[in-house]
């Protein structure tokens, strides 16, 4: 048995390939175990950044748990500040587009867990 620690894992800085915008710093927990049917990411969202671009998925179920910080959930034109322990979920094709933003002065950390259907198409705007 091997126990893994987030503090010892190499996180990768994500960015938008289209705009070059710097996004979160992320690590795939599911890849460590070779999981194919589930995705799990530890994302650190620095102040002023987003976890991703606003998006929906055509087939993927997704949920986000706030670990640290006070990120903001944006659903279309609406937004809500989140705290540690808060969690939200998104069904496939569910509008409006969603994104986690960090509008605070401190890092925020989130755990993103999702299904991983091969037919999923993420739609970014």
Protein backbone atom coordinates (compact mmCIF):
# COMPACT_ATOMS: atom_id res chain seq x y z
CA UNK A 1 0.00 0.00 0.00
CA UNK A 2 1.26 3.46 -0.86
CA UNK A 3 -0.20 6.61 0.68
CA UNK A 4 0.20 9.76 -1.40
CA UNK A 5 0.52 13.34 -0.18
CA UNK A 6 -0.60 16.43 -2.10
CA UNK A 7 2.38 18.31 -0.68
CA UNK A 8 4.70 15.90 -2.51
CA UNK A 9 2.96 15.87 -5.89
CA UNK A 10 4.00 17.88 -8.94
CA UNK A 11 1.21 20.32 -9.79
CA UNK A 12 1.11 21.79 -13.31
CA UNK A 13 0.14 25.35 -14.17
CA UNK A 14 -2.81 25.34 -16.53
CA UNK A 15 -3.45 27.98 -19.18
CA UNK A 16 -5.87 28.64 -22.00
CA UNK A 17 -4.40 27.52 -25.31
CA UNK A 18 -6.54 30.10 -27.11
CA UNK A 19 -5.87 33.20 -24.99
CA UNK A 20 -2.77 32.29 -22.97
CA UNK A 21 -4.62 33.18 -19.76
CA UNK A 22 -2.98 31.58 -16.72
CA UNK A 23 -5.45 29.41 -14.81
CA UNK A 24 -5.12 27.16 -11.76
CA UNK A 25 -2.21 24.97 -10.72
CA UNK A 26 -3.49 21.41 -10.91
CA UNK A 27 -2.72 17.79 -10.08
CA UNK A 28 -4.69 14.74 -11.28
CA UNK A 29 -5.25 12.38 -8.37
CA UNK A 30 -6.99 9.82 -10.60
CA UNK A 31 -3.96 9.46 -12.87
CA UNK A 32 -1.85 8.26 -9.92
CA UNK A 33 -4.05 5.15 -9.76
CA UNK A 34 -4.63 4.82 -13.49
CA UNK A 35 -8.38 5.41 -13.12
CA UNK A 36 -10.26 5.66 -16.42
CA UNK A 37 -13.89 6.21 -15.37
CA UNK A 38 -13.39 9.01 -12.85
CA UNK A 39 -11.45 12.28 -12.82
CA UNK A 40 -10.23 13.91 -9.62
CA UNK A 41 -8.13 17.08 -9.55
CA UNK A 42 -6.59 19.11 -6.75
CA UNK A 43 -6.59 22.67 -8.08
CA UNK A 44 -4.92 25.62 -6.43
CA UNK A 45 -6.38 28.87 -7.74
CA UNK A 46 -4.10 31.86 -7.12
CA UNK A 47 -5.66 35.29 -6.50
CA UNK A 48 -7.03 36.83 -9.68
CA UNK A 49 -7.19 33.54 -11.60
CA UNK A 50 -9.87 31.06 -12.60
CA UNK A 51 -9.85 27.28 -12.35
CA UNK A 52 -10.79 27.00 -16.02
CA UNK A 53 -12.61 28.89 -18.71
CA UNK A 54 -16.42 29.04 -18.33
CA UNK A 55 -17.79 25.75 -19.63
CA UNK A 56 -20.32 22.94 -19.62
CA UNK A 57 -19.89 19.26 -20.47
CA UNK A 58 -22.10 17.25 -22.80
CA UNK A 59 -21.82 13.98 -20.84
CA UNK A 60 -19.62 14.50 -17.76
CA UNK A 61 -21.02 14.85 -14.23
CA UNK A 62 -18.85 17.21 -12.18
CA UNK A 63 -18.66 18.40 -8.59
CA UNK A 64 -16.37 20.81 -6.76
CA UNK A 65 -15.50 20.85 -3.04
CA UNK A 66 -13.80 23.93 -1.58
CA UNK A 67 -10.83 22.93 0.59
CA UNK A 68 -9.32 26.33 1.42
CA UNK A 69 -9.93 29.97 0.63
CA UNK A 70 -13.04 31.79 -0.55
CA UNK A 71 -13.41 31.30 -4.30
CA UNK A 72 -16.39 32.56 -6.25
CA UNK A 73 -18.68 30.30 -8.26
CA UNK A 74 -19.96 32.00 -11.40
CA UNK A 75 -22.99 30.56 -13.18
CA UNK A 76 -23.66 32.71 -16.22
CA UNK A 77 -24.34 36.20 -14.84
CA UNK A 78 -24.88 35.02 -11.24
CA UNK A 79 -22.13 34.51 -8.67
CA UNK A 80 -21.78 33.21 -5.12
CA UNK A 81 -18.82 33.30 -2.78
CA UNK A 82 -17.87 29.86 -1.47
CA UNK A 83 -16.10 28.83 1.75
CA UNK A 84 -14.20 25.74 2.86
CA UNK A 85 -16.60 22.82 3.05
CA UNK A 86 -18.99 24.19 0.42
CA UNK A 87 -19.61 21.97 -2.60
CA UNK A 88 -21.51 22.32 -5.88
CA UNK A 89 -22.39 19.94 -8.69
CA UNK A 90 -23.05 20.24 -12.40
CA UNK A 91 -25.06 17.85 -14.58
CA UNK A 92 -24.20 17.19 -18.23
CA UNK A 93 -25.46 19.93 -20.54
CA UNK A 94 -26.71 22.00 -17.60
CA UNK A 95 -26.72 25.70 -18.42
CA UNK A 96 -25.53 28.28 -17.67
CA UNK A 97 -21.78 27.92 -18.11
CA UNK A 98 -19.87 27.54 -14.83
CA UNK A 99 -16.43 28.56 -13.59
CA UNK A 100 -14.63 28.95 -10.25
CA UNK A 101 -12.85 32.30 -9.86
CA UNK A 102 -10.58 33.56 -7.11
CA UNK A 103 -11.44 37.20 -6.49
CA UNK A 104 -9.80 37.18 -3.05
CA UNK A 105 -6.24 38.05 -1.97
CA UNK A 106 -5.42 34.48 -0.86
CA UNK A 107 -5.01 31.16 -2.68
CA UNK A 108 -8.02 28.90 -2.88
CA UNK A 109 -7.83 25.12 -3.18
CA UNK A 110 -10.59 22.96 -4.61
CA UNK A 111 -11.16 19.27 -5.25
CA UNK A 112 -12.87 18.56 -8.57
CA UNK A 113 -14.39 15.10 -8.98
CA UNK A 114 -16.11 14.03 -12.18
CA UNK A 115 -17.16 11.10 -14.29
CA UNK A 116 -15.04 10.54 -17.38
CA UNK A 117 -17.28 9.36 -20.22
CA UNK A 118 -15.39 9.01 -23.51
CA UNK A 119 -18.20 10.71 -25.44
CA UNK A 120 -17.98 13.93 -23.36
CA UNK A 121 -17.32 17.16 -25.22
CA UNK A 122 -16.45 20.17 -23.06
CA UNK A 123 -17.86 23.43 -24.40
CA UNK A 124 -15.82 26.49 -23.43
CA UNK A 125 -16.68 30.14 -23.96
